Amino acid sequence: MQFVSAVKNFLVSEDGPTAVEYAVMLALIVIVCLTAVQAIGTNANAKFQKVADTLK
């Protein structure tokens, strides 16, 4: 009887799905941050190359 109650509580509990939702949200945030850093790095590299070419 205690096992059935434990299984029922596990299925009703929302801790598992909440953790999955947080993991998906964190993954999306990391992807957005990496994309932004890459874009900023590419733009900065282009600016530095333009300055270097002008100084030559």
Protein backbone atom coordinates (compact mmCIF):
# COMPACT_ATOMS: atom_id res chain seq x y z
CA MET A 1 0.00 0.00 0.00
CA GLN A 2 2.85 2.37 0.81
CA PHE A 3 4.45 1.66 -2.60
CA VAL A 4 1.22 2.53 -4.43
CA SER A 5 0.97 5.75 -2.45
CA ALA A 6 4.58 6.64 -3.28
CA VAL A 7 4.01 6.01 -7.00
CA LYS A 8 0.83 8.07 -6.94
CA ASN A 9 2.63 10.96 -5.22
CA PHE A 10 5.48 10.74 -7.75
CA LEU A 11 3.06 10.94 -10.68
CA VAL A 12 1.17 13.87 -9.18
CA SER A 13 4.33 15.77 -8.21
CA GLU A 14 5.36 18.52 -10.60
CA ASP A 15 9.04 18.63 -9.62
CA GLY A 16 10.18 16.55 -12.59
CA PRO A 17 8.46 18.56 -15.33
CA THR A 18 9.48 21.80 -13.65
CA ALA A 19 13.13 20.74 -13.72
CA VAL A 20 12.82 19.83 -17.40
CA GLU A 21 11.24 23.19 -18.17
CA TYR A 22 14.06 25.00 -16.39
CA ALA A 23 16.65 22.93 -18.27
CA VAL A 24 15.06 23.77 -21.64
CA MET A 25 14.83 27.45 -20.70
CA LEU A 26 18.48 27.46 -19.62
CA ALA A 27 19.53 25.80 -22.88
CA LEU A 28 17.68 28.42 -24.91
CA ILE A 29 19.25 31.25 -22.90
CA VAL A 30 22.72 29.78 -23.45
CA ILE A 31 22.08 29.50 -27.21
CA VAL A 32 20.93 33.12 -27.39
CA CYS A 33 23.95 34.31 -25.38
CA LEU A 34 26.41 32.38 -27.55
CA THR A 35 24.80 33.74 -30.71
CA ALA A 36 25.00 37.30 -29.37
CA VAL A 37 28.65 36.91 -28.34
CA GLN A 38 29.51 35.49 -31.76
CA ALA A 39 27.77 38.38 -33.53
CA ILE A 40 29.49 40.97 -31.34
CA GLY A 41 32.85 39.26 -31.89
CA THR A 42 32.37 39.21 -35.65
CA ASN A 43 31.44 42.90 -35.71
CA ALA A 44 34.37 43.84 -33.48
CA ASN A 45 36.76 41.83 -35.64
CA ALA A 46 35.51 43.63 -38.76
CA LYS A 47 36.00 47.03 -37.09
CA PHE A 48 39.53 46.18 -35.94
CA GLN A 49 40.40 44.89 -39.42
CA LYS A 50 39.07 48.12 -40.96
CA VAL A 51 41.21 50.20 -38.58
CA ALA A 52 44.26 48.03 -39.30
CA ASP A 53 43.75 48.42 -43.05
CA THR A 54 43.37 52.20 -42.67
CA LEU A 55 46.59 52.47 -40.67
CA LYS A 56 48.59 50.58 -43.32
